[in-house]
Each structure stands twice: as structure tokens, then as C-alpha cells.
Amino acid sequence: MLKPPITLLIARSKLSGGLQGVLTLGLAATTGWVAGLWVGGIVLTGGLWLVYRAYGAQPCGVLQITDTGGQFEGGWLLSTGESGPSFGVGCDYLGPWLVRLRIGSQRLWVWPDSLSTTSQRALRRCFHRPGR
């Protein structure tokens, strides 16, 4: 009997953007101290612009993952409610806080604030191999 697909409501991670913003502030402060305030201001402006672009480029939406006998397939739901094209799904990294999924050719970091707790548990159950 086939298991029902796991539905993941993935949101943009504010934790990721905040961490990247803090690192950018540290880099700009160090650059301003070493090379001068003008250069530090340029680094700060450019870095925050890149953080803003990276936050906007994070994929979000509804991802459905199905188990097809040892292999996982998944696809994003379209705005019409229909399932989009199906791709192979793999887990590149499964850490205590972060999960990196490979969905076809796309890479997706799943942060703790991107999913609900129950969805994170279901996702970890899919890719966790006991004894490793």
C-alpha cells in the first residue's frame, strides 16, 4: 500500500536572512576598521543588497514528497492547485538544525523556521538512516 505524500508548506526563512545580515555587518565593520569608513559603507550597502536578493530568491510554496519504493519523488504544487512536474528528491545534508534537499537540479536549504515542527519530523523520518 502506498503511503500518502508528505506535504511541506515551505516559507522563506527569516533566520537565514538574519544570520547573513549579521555576518555582513561584521564584515563591513572589519572592512571599515581596516580600510576606512567609506569602503566599509560600500561593503555594507552591497552586502545588504545581496542579502535582500538572496532572501527574495529563496523558494517557497508547497512541496509534495512521495515514497516510490526506496526512491523519493517530489514536485511543487502550482498556483492552480495541480501538481507540477515530478523530480527525484534526495537529502544532501541532514543536520540537527538544517536539511539540504536536492530536488532535481535545484538545491534547497530547509531552516528550522521554514517548516512547522510536524513537517520537519516527517521530512527527517524520510531521510534518516538509523545507524549512520
Protein backbone atom coordinates (compact mmCIF):
# COMPACT_ATOMS: atom_id res chain seq x y z
CA MET A 1 0.00 0.00 0.00
CA LEU A 2 1.37 3.39 -0.97
CA LYS A 3 1.96 5.94 1.72
CA PRO A 4 0.23 9.30 1.35
CA PRO A 5 2.54 12.06 0.11
CA ILE A 6 4.21 14.30 2.62
CA THR A 7 3.08 17.88 2.09
CA LEU A 8 5.57 20.54 3.16
CA LEU A 9 4.50 24.18 3.37
CA ILE A 10 7.89 25.84 2.91
CA ALA A 11 8.22 29.52 3.81
CA ARG A 12 11.11 31.94 3.37
CA SER A 13 13.48 31.73 6.32
CA LYS A 14 13.94 34.91 8.32
CA LEU A 15 16.59 33.12 10.38
CA SER A 16 18.73 32.63 7.27
CA GLY A 17 18.42 36.26 6.25
CA GLY A 18 19.15 37.47 9.78
CA LEU A 19 22.26 35.33 10.07
CA GLN A 20 23.54 36.52 6.69
CA GLY A 21 22.78 40.12 7.69
CA VAL A 22 24.77 39.80 10.93
CA LEU A 23 27.70 38.30 9.04
CA THR A 24 27.52 41.18 6.54
CA LEU A 25 27.55 43.71 9.39
CA GLY A 26 30.63 42.05 10.88
CA LEU A 27 32.40 42.06 7.52
CA ALA A 28 31.53 45.72 6.94
CA ALA A 29 32.70 46.70 10.43
CA THR A 30 36.01 44.89 9.95
CA THR A 31 36.46 46.42 6.50
CA GLY A 32 35.64 49.88 7.85
CA TRP A 33 38.18 49.47 10.63
CA VAL A 34 40.94 48.21 8.31
CA ALA A 35 40.32 50.10 5.06
CA GLY A 36 38.30 53.15 6.13
CA LEU A 37 34.68 54.10 6.68
CA TRP A 38 33.92 54.75 3.02
CA VAL A 39 34.98 51.28 1.98
CA GLY A 40 33.11 49.80 4.96
CA GLY A 41 29.97 51.67 3.92
CA ILE A 42 30.26 50.38 0.37
CA VAL A 43 30.72 46.82 1.65
CA LEU A 44 27.72 47.23 3.97
CA THR A 45 25.47 48.59 1.21
CA GLY A 46 26.49 45.92 -1.30
CA GLY A 47 26.29 43.12 1.25
CA LEU A 48 22.82 44.07 2.48
CA TRP A 49 21.62 44.31 -1.12
CA LEU A 50 22.94 40.78 -1.75
CA VAL A 51 21.25 39.51 1.44
CA TYR A 52 17.97 41.07 0.32
CA ARG A 53 18.27 39.43 -3.12
CA ALA A 54 19.10 36.05 -1.58
CA TYR A 55 16.09 36.30 0.76
CA GLY A 56 13.79 37.06 -2.18
CA ALA A 57 15.25 34.19 -4.22
CA GLN A 58 14.52 31.54 -1.58
CA PRO A 59 12.00 29.05 -2.94
CA CYS A 60 8.72 28.90 -1.08
CA GLY A 61 5.46 27.11 -1.67
CA VAL A 62 4.00 23.66 -1.23
CA LEU A 63 6.27 20.71 -1.88
CA GLN A 64 4.85 17.19 -2.02
CA ILE A 65 7.21 14.25 -1.50
CA THR A 66 6.14 10.67 -2.23
CA ASP A 67 7.99 7.44 -1.49
CA THR A 68 8.15 5.20 -4.56
CA GLY A 69 9.79 2.14 -3.07
CA GLY A 70 13.07 3.44 -1.70
CA GLN A 71 13.26 6.43 -4.03
CA PHE A 72 11.65 9.73 -3.26
CA GLU A 73 9.95 11.92 -5.83
CA GLY A 74 8.59 15.36 -5.28
CA GLY A 75 7.09 18.31 -7.03
CA TRP A 76 5.96 21.81 -6.26
CA LEU A 77 2.22 22.48 -6.31
CA LEU A 78 1.23 25.07 -8.86
CA SER A 79 -0.92 28.08 -8.01
CA THR A 80 -3.89 26.29 -9.61
CA GLY A 81 -3.60 23.50 -7.02
CA GLU A 82 -2.32 20.95 -9.52
CA SER A 83 0.90 19.06 -9.05
CA GLY A 84 3.82 20.37 -11.09
CA PRO A 85 6.49 18.26 -12.76
CA SER A 86 7.92 15.50 -10.61
CA PHE A 87 11.64 15.29 -9.81
CA GLY A 88 13.83 12.96 -7.84
CA VAL A 89 14.36 14.14 -4.26
CA GLY A 90 17.45 13.41 -2.22
CA CYS A 91 18.94 14.65 1.01
CA ASP A 92 22.48 16.03 0.73
CA TYR A 93 22.76 17.10 4.37
CA LEU A 94 20.72 16.15 7.43
CA GLY A 95 21.91 18.05 10.48
CA PRO A 96 20.33 18.88 13.80
CA TRP A 97 19.02 22.25 12.55
CA LEU A 98 19.41 22.30 8.78
CA VAL A 99 18.35 19.98 5.98
CA ARG A 100 19.59 20.33 2.42
CA LEU A 101 17.32 18.80 -0.18
CA ARG A 102 18.18 18.10 -3.81
CA ILE A 103 15.02 18.44 -5.91
CA GLY A 104 16.02 17.65 -9.47
CA SER A 105 18.79 20.16 -10.18
CA GLN A 106 17.59 22.60 -7.50
CA ARG A 107 19.17 22.76 -4.04
CA LEU A 108 17.02 23.80 -1.09
CA TRP A 109 18.19 24.54 2.44
CA VAL A 110 15.36 23.92 4.91
CA TRP A 111 15.85 26.08 8.00
CA PRO A 112 14.05 25.48 11.33
CA ASP A 113 11.65 28.40 10.74
CA SER A 114 10.83 27.31 7.17
CA LEU A 115 8.57 24.42 8.22
CA SER A 116 6.23 23.50 11.00
CA THR A 117 7.52 21.05 13.61
CA THR A 118 5.39 18.16 12.38
CA SER A 119 6.51 18.69 8.78
CA GLN A 120 10.15 18.75 9.86
CA ARG A 121 9.71 15.48 11.72
CA ALA A 122 8.08 13.86 8.71
CA LEU A 123 10.88 15.09 6.45
CA ARG A 124 13.57 13.81 8.81
CA ARG A 125 11.84 10.42 9.06
CA CYS A 126 12.06 10.10 5.28
CA PHE A 127 15.79 10.67 5.04
CA HIS A 128 17.14 9.47 8.39
CA ARG A 129 19.03 6.19 8.18
CA PRO A 130 19.44 4.59 11.62
CA GLY A 131 22.97 3.58 12.45
CA ARG A 132 24.65 6.35 10.47
